[in-house]
Protein backbone atom coordinates (compact mmCIF):
# COMPACT_ATOMS: atom_id res chain seq x y z
CA UNK A 1 0.00 0.00 0.00
CA UNK A 2 1.41 3.35 -1.05
CA UNK A 3 1.77 6.16 1.49
CA UNK A 4 0.14 9.52 0.98
CA UNK A 5 2.25 12.62 0.30
CA UNK A 6 1.49 13.94 3.76
CA UNK A 7 2.71 10.71 5.38
CA UNK A 8 5.85 10.66 3.19
CA UNK A 9 6.55 14.27 4.24
CA UNK A 10 6.28 13.35 7.91
CA UNK A 11 8.50 10.29 7.43
CA UNK A 12 11.21 12.28 5.66
CA UNK A 13 12.03 14.28 8.84
CA UNK A 14 13.03 17.23 6.72
CA UNK A 15 13.48 20.82 7.85
CA UNK A 16 11.80 22.12 4.71
CA UNK A 17 8.24 23.37 4.74
CA UNK A 18 5.67 21.15 3.11
CA UNK A 19 5.41 23.45 0.11
CA UNK A 20 9.19 23.46 -0.51
CA UNK A 21 9.40 19.70 0.08
CA UNK A 22 6.57 19.07 -2.38
CA UNK A 23 8.24 21.27 -5.03
CA UNK A 24 11.49 19.36 -4.56
CA UNK A 25 9.73 16.01 -4.85
CA UNK A 26 7.86 17.14 -7.97
CA UNK A 27 11.16 18.23 -9.54
CA UNK A 28 12.68 14.85 -8.71
CA UNK A 29 9.79 13.04 -10.37
CA UNK A 30 10.00 15.34 -13.40
CA UNK A 31 13.70 14.54 -13.78
CA UNK A 32 12.90 10.80 -13.77
CA UNK A 33 10.26 11.19 -16.48
CA UNK A 34 12.37 13.58 -18.56
CA UNK A 35 10.01 16.53 -18.27
CA UNK A 36 12.60 18.95 -16.96
CA UNK A 37 11.58 22.53 -17.68
CA UNK A 38 14.34 24.48 -19.38
CA UNK A 39 15.38 27.67 -17.63
CA UNK A 40 13.96 30.78 -19.17
CA UNK A 41 15.98 33.80 -20.25
CA UNK A 42 14.68 35.78 -17.27
CA UNK A 43 15.94 33.16 -14.85
CA UNK A 44 19.43 33.15 -16.35
CA UNK A 45 19.73 36.94 -16.33
CA UNK A 46 18.51 37.06 -12.74
CA UNK A 47 21.09 34.41 -11.87
CA UNK A 48 23.89 36.39 -13.55
CA UNK A 49 22.81 39.58 -11.80
CA UNK A 50 22.81 37.82 -8.45
CA UNK A 51 26.19 36.29 -9.21
CA UNK A 52 27.76 39.67 -10.03
CA UNK A 53 26.23 41.25 -6.90
CA UNK A 54 27.66 38.49 -4.72
CA UNK A 55 31.07 38.90 -6.36
CA UNK A 56 31.02 42.62 -5.56
CA UNK A 57 29.94 42.01 -1.96
CA UNK A 58 32.59 39.37 -1.29
CA UNK A 59 35.33 41.34 -3.05
CA UNK A 60 36.05 38.72 -5.72
CA UNK A 61 38.63 40.03 -8.15
CA UNK A 62 38.01 39.14 -11.77
CA UNK A 63 40.83 41.14 -13.36
CA UNK A 64 44.22 39.51 -13.88
CA UNK A 65 47.21 41.16 -12.21
CA UNK A 66 50.77 40.47 -13.35
CA UNK A 67 52.20 41.65 -10.03
CA UNK A 68 51.77 38.38 -8.13
CA UNK A 69 52.55 34.69 -8.57
CA UNK A 70 50.34 32.40 -6.46
CA UNK A 71 49.34 35.47 -4.44
CA UNK A 72 52.93 36.45 -3.57
CA UNK A 73 54.55 39.57 -4.97
CA UNK A 74 56.82 38.49 -7.83
CA UNK A 75 59.67 40.76 -6.73
CA UNK A 76 59.78 39.04 -3.34
CA UNK A 77 59.97 35.68 -5.11
CA UNK A 78 62.82 36.91 -7.34
CA UNK A 79 64.83 38.20 -4.35
CA UNK A 80 64.24 34.96 -2.43
CA UNK A 81 65.32 32.92 -5.47
CA UNK A 82 68.52 34.93 -5.88
CA UNK A 83 69.33 34.49 -2.19
CA UNK A 84 68.82 30.72 -2.37
CA UNK A 85 70.94 30.39 -5.51
CA UNK A 86 73.68 32.52 -3.95
CA UNK A 87 73.67 30.35 -0.79
CA UNK A 88 73.88 27.13 -2.83
CA UNK A 89 76.73 28.47 -5.01
CA UNK A 90 78.61 29.70 -1.91
CA UNK A 91 78.21 26.31 -0.24
CA UNK A 92 79.51 24.48 -3.33
CA UNK A 93 82.42 26.92 -3.70
CA UNK A 94 83.53 26.50 -0.06
CA UNK A 95 83.33 22.69 -0.33
CA UNK A 96 85.58 22.69 -3.43
CA UNK A 97 88.07 25.15 -1.94
CA UNK A 98 88.87 22.86 1.04
CA UNK A 99 91.44 20.14 0.06
PDB file of N, CA and C in Angstrom:
ATOM      1  N   UNK A   1       0.842  -1.174   0.000  1.00  0.00           N
ATOM      2  CA  UNK A   1       0.000   0.000   0.000  1.00  0.00           C
ATOM      3  C   UNK A   1       0.890   1.241   0.000  1.00  0.00           C
ATOM      4  N   UNK A   2       0.591   2.149  -0.883  1.00  0.00           N
ATOM      5  CA  UNK A   2       1.408   3.349  -1.047  1.00  0.00           C
ATOM      6  C   UNK A   2       1.014   4.414  -0.026  1.00  0.00           C
ATOM      7  N   UNK A   3       2.011   5.114   0.495  1.00  0.00           N
ATOM      8  CA  UNK A   3       1.767   6.156   1.492  1.00  0.00           C
ATOM      9  C   UNK A   3       1.311   7.436   0.801  1.00  0.00           C
ATOM     10  N   UNK A   4       0.575   8.235   1.511  1.00  0.00           N
ATOM     11  CA  UNK A   4       0.144   9.520   0.976  1.00  0.00           C
ATOM     12  C   UNK A   4       1.312  10.502   1.034  1.00  0.00           C
ATOM     13  N   UNK A   5       1.184  11.607   0.307  1.00  0.00           N
ATOM     14  CA  UNK A   5       2.249  12.616   0.299  1.00  0.00           C
ATOM     15  C   UNK A   5       2.461  13.199   1.693  1.00  0.00           C
ATOM     16  N   UNK A   6       1.388  13.389   2.415  1.00  0.00           N
ATOM     17  CA  UNK A   6       1.492  13.937   3.761  1.00  0.00           C
ATOM     18  C   UNK A   6       2.276  12.986   4.670  1.00  0.00           C
ATOM     19  N   UNK A   7       2.003  11.695   4.560  1.00  0.00           N
ATOM     20  CA  UNK A   7       2.707  10.710   5.378  1.00  0.00           C
ATOM     21  C   UNK A   7       4.174  10.625   4.968  1.00  0.00           C
ATOM     22  N   UNK A   8       4.460  10.687   3.660  1.00  0.00           N
ATOM     23  CA  UNK A   8       5.849  10.665   3.191  1.00  0.00           C
ATOM     24  C   UNK A   8       6.604  11.892   3.679  1.00  0.00           C
ATOM     25  N   UNK A   9       5.930  13.049   3.730  1.00  0.00           N
ATOM     26  CA  UNK A   9       6.553  14.269   4.239  1.00  0.00           C
ATOM     27  C   UNK A   9       6.919  14.106   5.712  1.00  0.00           C
ATOM     28  N   UNK A  10       6.017  13.552   6.490  1.00  0.00           N
ATOM     29  CA  UNK A  10       6.282  13.345   7.914  1.00  0.00           C
ATOM     30  C   UNK A  10       7.407  12.342   8.132  1.00  0.00           C
ATOM     31  N   UNK A  11       7.468  11.311   7.298  1.00  0.00           N
ATOM     32  CA  UNK A  11       8.500  10.286   7.430  1.00  0.00           C
ATOM     33  C   UNK A  11       9.877  10.772   6.995  1.00  0.00           C
ATOM     34  N   UNK A  12       9.911  11.803   6.161  1.00  0.00           N
ATOM     35  CA  UNK A  12      11.206  12.282   5.656  1.00  0.00           C
ATOM     36  C   UNK A  12      12.006  13.039   6.708  1.00  0.00           C
ATOM     37  N   UNK A  13      11.363  13.526   7.763  1.00  0.00           N
ATOM     38  CA  UNK A  13      12.027  14.277   8.844  1.00  0.00           C
ATOM     39  C   UNK A  13      12.854  15.434   8.302  1.00  0.00           C
ATOM     40  N   UNK A  14      12.327  16.127   7.345  1.00  0.00           N
ATOM     41  CA  UNK A  14      13.035  17.234   6.724  1.00  0.00           C
ATOM     42  C   UNK A  14      12.778  18.534   7.463  1.00  0.00           C
ATOM     43  N   UNK A  15      13.657  19.497   7.255  1.00  0.00           N
ATOM     44  CA  UNK A  15      13.478  20.816   7.855  1.00  0.00           C
ATOM     45  C   UNK A  15      12.756  21.762   6.897  1.00  0.00           C
ATOM     46  N   UNK A  16      12.497  21.294   5.688  1.00  0.00           N
ATOM     47  CA  UNK A  16      11.797  22.119   4.705  1.00  0.00           C
ATOM     48  C   UNK A  16      10.319  22.218   5.046  1.00  0.00           C
ATOM     49  N   UNK A  17       9.688  23.289   4.586  1.00  0.00           N
ATOM     50  CA  UNK A  17       8.241  23.373   4.735  1.00  0.00           C
ATOM     51  C   UNK A  17       7.607  22.395   3.748  1.00  0.00           C
ATOM     52  N   UNK A  18       6.340  22.115   3.972  1.00  0.00           N
ATOM     53  CA  UNK A  18       5.666  21.145   3.107  1.00  0.00           C
ATOM     54  C   UNK A  18       5.689  21.613   1.661  1.00  0.00           C
ATOM     55  N   UNK A  19       5.467  22.902   1.464  1.00  0.00           N
ATOM     56  CA  UNK A  19       5.412  23.454   0.107  1.00  0.00           C
ATOM     57  C   UNK A  19       6.763  23.286  -0.598  1.00  0.00           C
ATOM     58  N   UNK A  20       7.858  23.612   0.086  1.00  0.00           N
ATOM     59  CA  UNK A  20       9.186  23.457  -0.506  1.00  0.00           C
ATOM     60  C   UNK A  20       9.522  21.981  -0.736  1.00  0.00           C
ATOM     61  N   UNK A  21       9.145  21.131   0.225  1.00  0.00           N
ATOM     62  CA  UNK A  21       9.400  19.702   0.084  1.00  0.00           C
ATOM     63  C   UNK A  21       8.649  19.134  -1.111  1.00  0.00           C
ATOM     64  N   UNK A  22       7.407  19.552  -1.264  1.00  0.00           N
ATOM     65  CA  UNK A  22       6.570  19.071  -2.383  1.00  0.00           C
ATOM     66  C   UNK A  22       7.150  19.533  -3.712  1.00  0.00           C
ATOM     67  N   UNK A  23       7.638  20.772  -3.796  1.00  0.00           N
ATOM     68  CA  UNK A  23       8.240  21.274  -5.031  1.00  0.00           C
ATOM     69  C   UNK A  23       9.493  20.461  -5.368  1.00  0.00           C
ATOM     70  N   UNK A  24      10.278  20.146  -4.339  1.00  0.00           N
ATOM     71  CA  UNK A  24      11.487  19.358  -4.563  1.00  0.00           C
ATOM     72  C   UNK A  24      11.139  17.952  -5.049  1.00  0.00           C
ATOM     73  N   UNK A  25      10.151  17.349  -4.440  1.00  0.00           N
ATOM     74  CA  UNK A  25       9.727  16.010  -4.845  1.00  0.00           C
ATOM     75  C   UNK A  25       9.164  16.018  -6.262  1.00  0.00           C
ATOM     76  N   UNK A  26       8.399  17.052  -6.611  1.00  0.00           N
ATOM     77  CA  UNK A  26       7.861  17.142  -7.974  1.00  0.00           C
ATOM     78  C   UNK A  26       8.989  17.299  -8.995  1.00  0.00           C
ATOM     79  N   UNK A  27      10.017  18.083  -8.631  1.00  0.00           N
ATOM     80  CA  UNK A  27      11.159  18.234  -9.539  1.00  0.00           C
ATOM     81  C   UNK A  27      11.919  16.927  -9.707  1.00  0.00           C
ATOM     82  N   UNK A  28      12.021  16.157  -8.622  1.00  0.00           N
ATOM     83  CA  UNK A  28      12.679  14.849  -8.710  1.00  0.00           C
ATOM     84  C   UNK A  28      11.919  13.933  -9.658  1.00  0.00           C
ATOM     85  N   UNK A  29      10.601  13.899  -9.515  1.00  0.00           N
ATOM     86  CA  UNK A  29       9.792  13.039 -10.368  1.00  0.00           C
ATOM     87  C   UNK A  29       9.857  13.507 -11.822  1.00  0.00           C
ATOM     88  N   UNK A  30       9.901  14.822 -12.039  1.00  0.00           N
ATOM     89  CA  UNK A  30       9.995  15.339 -13.398  1.00  0.00           C
ATOM     90  C   UNK A  30      11.335  14.957 -14.021  1.00  0.00           C
ATOM     91  N   UNK A  31      12.401  14.908 -13.228  1.00  0.00           N
ATOM     92  CA  UNK A  31      13.695  14.536 -13.779  1.00  0.00           C
ATOM     93  C   UNK A  31      13.725  13.051 -14.148  1.00  0.00           C
ATOM     94  N   UNK A  32      12.960  12.219 -13.427  1.00  0.00           N
ATOM     95  CA  UNK A  32      12.896  10.799 -13.772  1.00  0.00           C
ATOM     96  C   UNK A  32      12.126  10.577 -15.067  1.00  0.00           C
ATOM     97  N   UNK A  33      11.082  11.361 -15.279  1.00  0.00           N
ATOM     98  CA  UNK A  33      10.263  11.186 -16.476  1.00  0.00           C
ATOM     99  C   UNK A  33      10.815  11.944 -17.668  1.00  0.00           C
ATOM    100  N   UNK A  34      11.775  12.829 -17.447  1.00  0.00           N
ATOM    101  CA  UNK A  34      12.372  13.577 -18.560  1.00  0.00           C
ATOM    102  C   UNK A  34      11.652  14.859 -18.875  1.00  0.00           C
ATOM    103  N   UNK A  35      10.753  15.299 -18.044  1.00  0.00           N
ATOM    104  CA  UNK A  35      10.007  16.535 -18.269  1.00  0.00           C
ATOM    105  C   UNK A  35      10.631  17.691 -17.508  1.00  0.00           C
ATOM    106  N   UNK A  36      11.911  17.888 -17.677  1.00  0.00           N
ATOM    107  CA  UNK A  36      12.602  18.949 -16.957  1.00  0.00           C
ATOM    108  C   UNK A  36      12.357  20.261 -17.685  1.00  0.00           C
ATOM    109  N   UNK A  37      11.792  21.240 -17.006  1.00  0.00           N
ATOM    110  CA  UNK A  37      11.583  22.527 -17.678  1.00  0.00           C
ATOM    111  C   UNK A  37      12.914  23.228 -17.901  1.00  0.00           C
ATOM    112  N   UNK A  38      13.096  23.767 -19.093  1.00  0.00           N
ATOM    113  CA  UNK A  38      14.341  24.479 -19.384  1.00  0.00           C
ATOM    114  C   UNK A  38      14.277  25.857 -18.746  1.00  0.00           C
ATOM    115  N   UNK A  39      15.385  26.350 -18.263  1.00  0.00           N
ATOM    116  CA  UNK A  39      15.376  27.674 -17.631  1.00  0.00           C
ATOM    117  C   UNK A  39      15.093  28.759 -18.657  1.00  0.00           C
ATOM    118  N   UNK A  40      14.304  29.705 -18.253  1.00  0.00           N
ATOM    119  CA  UNK A  40      13.959  30.783 -19.171  1.00  0.00           C
ATOM    120  C   UNK A  40      15.062  31.837 -19.176  1.00  0.00           C
ATOM    121  N   UNK A  41      14.977  32.744 -20.120  1.00  0.00           N
ATOM    122  CA  UNK A  41      15.975  33.801 -20.245  1.00  0.00           C
ATOM    123  C   UNK A  41      15.953  34.701 -19.017  1.00  0.00           C
ATOM    124  N   UNK A  42      14.775  34.935 -18.448  1.00  0.00           N
ATOM    125  CA  UNK A  42      14.679  35.780 -17.269  1.00  0.00           C
ATOM    126  C   UNK A  42      15.389  35.143 -16.082  1.00  0.00           C
ATOM    127  N   UNK A  43      15.280  33.834 -15.954  1.00  0.00           N
ATOM    128  CA  UNK A  43      15.944  33.157 -14.848  1.00  0.00           C
ATOM    129  C   UNK A  43      17.455  33.265 -14.971  1.00  0.00           C
ATOM    130  N   UNK A  44      17.982  33.103 -16.184  1.00  0.00           N
ATOM    131  CA  UNK A  44      19.430  33.148 -16.353  1.00  0.00           C
ATOM    132  C   UNK A  44      19.975  34.556 -16.140  1.00  0.00           C
ATOM    133  N   UNK A  45      19.246  35.581 -16.567  1.00  0.00           N
ATOM    134  CA  UNK A  45      19.727  36.944 -16.333  1.00  0.00           C
ATOM    135  C   UNK A  45      19.647  37.288 -14.848  1.00  0.00           C
ATOM    136  N   UNK A  46      18.613  36.811 -14.178  1.00  0.00           N
ATOM    137  CA  UNK A  46      18.510  37.056 -12.743  1.00  0.00           C
ATOM    138  C   UNK A  46      19.651  36.346 -12.016  1.00  0.00           C
ATOM    139  N   UNK A  47      19.982  35.146 -12.472  1.00  0.00           N
ATOM    140  CA  UNK A  47      21.094  34.405 -11.874  1.00  0.00           C
ATOM    141  C   UNK A  47      22.405  35.151 -12.071  1.00  0.00           C
ATOM    142  N   UNK A  48      22.647  35.658 -13.272  1.00  0.00           N
ATOM    143  CA  UNK A  48      23.891  36.388 -13.550  1.00  0.00           C
ATOM    144  C   UNK A  48      23.952  37.677 -12.740  1.00  0.00           C
ATOM    145  N   UNK A  49      22.831  38.357 -12.611  1.00  0.00           N
ATOM    146  CA  UNK A  49      22.810  39.580 -11.802  1.00  0.00           C
ATOM    147  C   UNK A  49      23.126  39.272 -10.350  1.00  0.00           C
ATOM    148  N   UNK A  50      22.543  38.222  -9.830  1.00  0.00           N
ATOM    149  CA  UNK A  50      22.812  37.819  -8.447  1.00  0.00           C
ATOM    150  C   UNK A  50      24.269  37.421  -8.278  1.00  0.00           C
ATOM    151  N   UNK A  51      24.802  36.733  -9.263  1.00  0.00           N
ATOM    152  CA  UNK A  51      26.194  36.293  -9.207  1.00  0.00           C
ATOM    153  C   UNK A  51      27.139  37.498  -9.196  1.00  0.00           C
ATOM    154  N   UNK A  52      26.893  38.494 -10.019  1.00  0.00           N
ATOM    155  CA  UNK A  52      27.757  39.674 -10.028  1.00  0.00           C
ATOM    156  C   UNK A  52      27.619  40.470  -8.736  1.00  0.00           C
ATOM    157  N   UNK A  53      26.409  40.550  -8.182  1.00  0.00           N
ATOM    158  CA  UNK A  53      26.226  41.246  -6.905  1.00  0.00           C
ATOM    159  C   UNK A  53      26.996  40.553  -5.792  1.00  0.00           C
ATOM    160  N   UNK A  54      26.939  39.230  -5.757  1.00  0.00           N
ATOM    161  CA  UNK A  54      27.660  38.490  -4.724  1.00  0.00           C
ATOM    162  C   UNK A  54      29.169  38.643  -4.897  1.00  0.00           C
ATOM    163  N   UNK A  55      29.642  38.706  -6.124  1.00  0.00           N
ATOM    164  CA  UNK A  55      31.065  38.902  -6.365  1.00  0.00           C
ATOM    165  C   UNK A  55      31.508  40.268  -5.859  1.00  0.00           C
ATOM    166  N   UNK A  56      30.678  41.281  -6.049  1.00  0.00           N
ATOM    167  CA  UNK A  56      31.016  42.616  -5.558  1.00  0.00           C
ATOM    168  C   UNK A  56      31.028  42.651  -4.030  1.00  0.00           C
ATOM    169  N   UNK A  57      30.050  41.999  -3.418  1.00  0.00           N
ATOM    170  CA  UNK A  57      29.941  42.005  -1.956  1.00  0.00           C
ATOM    171  C   UNK A  57      31.124  41.290  -1.322  1.00  0.00           C
ATOM    172  N   UNK A  58      31.509  40.154  -1.873  1.00  0.00           N
ATOM    173  CA  UNK A  58      32.592  39.366  -1.288  1.00  0.00           C
ATOM    174  C   UNK A  58      33.967  39.878  -1.678  1.00  0.00           C
ATOM    175  N   UNK A  59      34.041  40.786  -2.646  1.00  0.00           N
ATOM    176  CA  UNK A  59      35.327  41.341  -3.045  1.00  0.00           C
ATOM    177  C   UNK A  59      36.094  40.431  -3.991  1.00  0.00           C
ATOM    178  N   UNK A  60      35.406  39.610  -4.759  1.00  0.00           N
ATOM    179  CA  UNK A  60      36.048  38.722  -5.717  1.00  0.00           C
ATOM    180  C   UNK A  60      36.664  39.545  -6.838  1.00  0.00           C
ATOM    181  N   UNK A  61      37.947  39.300  -7.102  1.00  0.00           N
ATOM    182  CA  UNK A  61      38.633  40.030  -8.152  1.00  0.00           C
ATOM    183  C   UNK A  61      38.581  39.209  -9.435  1.00  0.00           C
ATOM    184  N   UNK A  62      38.107  39.840 -10.505  1.00  0.00           N
ATOM    185  CA  UNK A  62      38.013  39.141 -11.774  1.00  0.00           C
ATOM    186  C   UNK A  62      39.089  39.579 -12.747  1.00  0.00           C
ATOM    187  N   UNK A  63      39.767  40.691 -12.463  1.00  0.00           N
ATOM    188  CA  UNK A  63      40.825  41.143 -13.359  1.00  0.00           C
ATOM    189  C   UNK A  63      42.136  40.433 -13.021  1.00  0.00           C
ATOM    190  N   UNK A  64      42.958  40.232 -14.047  1.00  0.00           N
ATOM    191  CA  UNK A  64      44.216  39.514 -13.877  1.00  0.00           C
ATOM    192  C   UNK A  64      45.319  40.532 -13.615  1.00  0.00           C
ATOM    193  N   UNK A  65      46.094  40.284 -12.566  1.00  0.00           N
ATOM    194  CA  UNK A  65      47.205  41.157 -12.215  1.00  0.00           C
ATOM    195  C   UNK A  65      48.509  40.420 -12.460  1.00  0.00           C
ATOM    196  N   UNK A  66      49.470  41.086 -13.088  1.00  0.00           N
ATOM    197  CA  UNK A  66      50.767  40.473 -13.354  1.00  0.00           C
ATOM    198  C   UNK A  66      51.774  40.781 -12.252  1.00  0.00           C
ATOM    199  N   UNK A  67      51.309  41.278 -11.117  1.00  0.00           N
ATOM    200  CA  UNK A  67      52.198  41.648 -10.025  1.00  0.00           C
ATOM    201  C   UNK A  67      52.437  40.509  -9.042  1.00  0.00           C
ATOM    202  N   UNK A  68      51.632  39.461  -9.091  1.00  0.00           N
ATOM    203  CA  UNK A  68      51.773  38.376  -8.131  1.00  0.00           C
ATOM    204  C   UNK A  68      51.863  37.027  -8.826  1.00  0.00           C
ATOM    205  N   UNK A  69      52.501  36.083  -8.138  1.00  0.00           N
ATOM    206  CA  UNK A  69      52.551  34.694  -8.569  1.00  0.00           C
ATOM    207  C   UNK A  69      52.070  33.883  -7.380  1.00  0.00           C
ATOM    208  N   UNK A  70      50.973  33.153  -7.542  1.00  0.00           N
ATOM    209  CA  UNK A  70      50.335  32.397  -6.457  1.00  0.00           C
ATOM    210  C   UNK A  70      50.040  33.289  -5.259  1.00  0.00           C
ATOM    211  N   UNK A  71      49.705  34.546  -5.511  1.00  0.00           N
ATOM    212  CA  UNK A  71      49.342  35.468  -4.439  1.00  0.00           C
ATOM    213  C   UNK A  71      50.506  36.124  -3.742  1.00  0.00           C
ATOM    214  N   UNK A  72      51.747  35.852  -4.180  1.00  0.00           N
ATOM    215  CA  UNK A  72      52.931  36.447  -3.572  1.00  0.00           C
ATOM    216  C   UNK A  72      53.533  37.415  -4.579  1.00  0.00           C
ATOM    217  N   UNK A  73      53.949  38.575  -4.099  1.00  0.00           N
ATOM    218  CA  UNK A  73      54.546  39.571  -4.967  1.00  0.00           C
ATOM    219  C   UNK A  73      55.739  38.970  -5.712  1.00  0.00           C
ATOM    220  N   UNK A  74      55.786  39.171  -7.036  1.00  0.00           N
ATOM    221  CA  UNK A  74      56.818  38.494  -7.828  1.00  0.00           C
ATOM    222  C   UNK A  74      58.216  39.009  -7.518  1.00  0.00           C
ATOM    223  N   UNK A  75      58.355  40.241  -7.075  1.00  0.00           N
ATOM    224  CA  UNK A  75      59.673  40.762  -6.731  1.00  0.00           C
ATOM    225  C   UNK A  75      60.227  40.084  -5.469  1.00  0.00           C
ATOM    226  N   UNK A  76      59.348  39.762  -4.532  1.00  0.00           N
ATOM    227  CA  UNK A  76      59.778  39.036  -3.337  1.00  0.00           C
ATOM    228  C   UNK A  76      60.254  37.641  -3.729  1.00  0.00           C
ATOM    229  N   UNK A  77      59.552  37.005  -4.652  1.00  0.00           N
ATOM    230  CA  UNK A  77      59.965  35.679  -5.110  1.00  0.00           C
ATOM    231  C   UNK A  77      61.308  35.730  -5.835  1.00  0.00           C
ATOM    232  N   UNK A  78      61.543  36.771  -6.618  1.00  0.00           N
ATOM    233  CA  UNK A  78      62.815  36.907  -7.339  1.00  0.00           C
ATOM    234  C   UNK A  78      63.958  37.087  -6.347  1.00  0.00           C
ATOM    235  N   UNK A  79      63.789  37.966  -5.357  1.00  0.00           N
ATOM    236  CA  UNK A  79      64.830  38.201  -4.354  1.00  0.00           C
ATOM    237  C   UNK A  79      65.096  36.925  -3.559  1.00  0.00           C
ATOM    238  N   UNK A  80      64.058  36.204  -3.177  1.00  0.00           N
ATOM    239  CA  UNK A  80      64.240  34.956  -2.431  1.00  0.00           C
ATOM    240  C   UNK A  80      64.968  33.924  -3.286  1.00  0.00           C
ATOM    241  N   UNK A  81      64.655  33.856  -4.564  1.00  0.00           N
ATOM    242  CA  UNK A  81      65.324  32.920  -5.466  1.00  0.00           C
ATOM    243  C   UNK A  81      66.800  33.241  -5.621  1.00  0.00           C
ATOM    244  N   UNK A  82      67.111  34.522  -5.755  1.00  0.00           N
ATOM    245  CA  UNK A  82      68.516  34.934  -5.884  1.00  0.00           C
ATOM    246  C   UNK A  82      69.280  34.594  -4.606  1.00  0.00           C
ATOM    247  N   UNK A  83      68.658  34.818  -3.450  1.00  0.00           N
ATOM    248  CA  UNK A  83      69.327  34.493  -2.185  1.00  0.00           C
ATOM    249  C   UNK A  83      69.589  32.993  -2.060  1.00  0.00           C
ATOM    250  N   UNK A  84      68.642  32.175  -2.452  1.00  0.00           N
ATOM    251  CA  UNK A  84      68.819  30.722  -2.374  1.00  0.00           C
ATOM    252  C   UNK A  84      69.915  30.258  -3.327  1.00  0.00           C
ATOM    253  N   UNK A  85      69.906  30.768  -4.541  1.00  0.00           N
ATOM    254  CA  UNK A  85      70.935  30.387  -5.514  1.00  0.00           C
ATOM    255  C   UNK A  85      72.311  30.820  -5.029  1.00  0.00           C
ATOM    256  N   UNK A  86      72.396  32.028  -4.467  1.00  0.00           N
ATOM    257  CA  UNK A  86      73.675  32.516  -3.948  1.00  0.00           C
ATOM    258  C   UNK A  86      74.165  31.621  -2.805  1.00  0.00           C
ATOM    259  N   UNK A  87      73.281  31.214  -1.913  1.00  0.00           N
ATOM    260  CA  UNK A  87      73.670  30.350  -0.792  1.00  0.00           C
ATOM    261  C   UNK A  87      74.141  28.993  -1.294  1.00  0.00           C
ATOM    262  N   UNK A  88      73.489  28.431  -2.286  1.00  0.00           N
ATOM    263  CA  UNK A  88      73.884  27.129  -2.832  1.00  0.00           C
ATOM    264  C   UNK A  88      75.238  27.238  -3.518  1.00  0.00           C
ATOM    265  N   UNK A  89      75.451  28.281  -4.318  1.00  0.00           N
ATOM    266  CA  UNK A  89      76.728  28.467  -5.010  1.00  0.00           C
ATOM    267  C   UNK A  89      77.849  28.687  -3.998  1.00  0.00           C
ATOM    268  N   UNK A  90      77.610  29.467  -2.952  1.00  0.00           N
ATOM    269  CA  UNK A  90      78.615  29.700  -1.914  1.00  0.00           C
ATOM    270  C   UNK A  90      78.972  28.400  -1.211  1.00  0.00           C
ATOM    271  N   UNK A  91      77.975  27.594  -0.907  1.00  0.00           N
ATOM    272  CA  UNK A  91      78.211  26.311  -0.240  1.00  0.00           C
ATOM    273  C   UNK A  91      79.047  25.387  -1.136  1.00  0.00           C
ATOM    274  N   UNK A  92      78.740  25.323  -2.402  1.00  0.00           N
ATOM    275  CA  UNK A  92      79.512  24.479  -3.334  1.00  0.00           C
ATOM    276  C   UNK A  92      80.930  25.009  -3.471  1.00  0.00           C
ATOM    277  N   UNK A  93      81.083  26.324  -3.558  1.00  0.00           N
ATOM    278  CA  UNK A  93      82.416  26.925  -3.705  1.00  0.00           C
ATOM    279  C   UNK A  93      83.286  26.635  -2.488  1.00  0.00           C
ATOM    280  N   UNK A  94      82.731  26.767  -1.265  1.00  0.00           N
ATOM    281  CA  UNK A  94      83.531  26.500  -0.059  1.00  0.00           C
ATOM    282  C   UNK A  94      83.869  25.023   0.089  1.00  0.00           C
ATOM    283  N   UNK A  95      83.042  24.128  -0.374  1.00  0.00           N
ATOM    284  CA  UNK A  95      83.326  22.689  -0.327  1.00  0.00           C
ATOM    285  C   UNK A  95      84.497  22.357  -1.271  1.00  0.00           C
ATOM    286  N   UNK A  96      84.538  22.978  -2.459  1.00  0.00           N
ATOM    287  CA  UNK A  96      85.578  22.687  -3.434  1.00  0.00           C
ATOM    288  C   UNK A  96      86.909  23.329  -3.033  1.00  0.00           C
ATOM    289  N   UNK A  97      86.873  24.421  -2.310  1.00  0.00           N
ATOM    290  CA  UNK A  97      88.068  25.148  -1.936  1.00  0.00           C
ATOM    291  C   UNK A  97      88.857  24.368  -0.886  1.00  0.00           C
ATOM    292  N   UNK A  98      88.195  23.638  -0.005  1.00  0.00           N
ATOM    293  CA  UNK A  98      88.874  22.862   1.036  1.00  0.00           C
ATOM    294  C   UNK A  98      89.481  21.592   0.408  1.00  0.00           C
ATOM    295  N   UNK A  99      90.819  21.360   0.642  1.00  0.00           N
ATOM    296  CA  UNK A  99      91.435  20.137   0.062  1.00  0.00           C
ATOM    297  C   UNK A  99      91.211  18.903   0.863  1.00  0.00           C
TER     298      UNK A  99
END
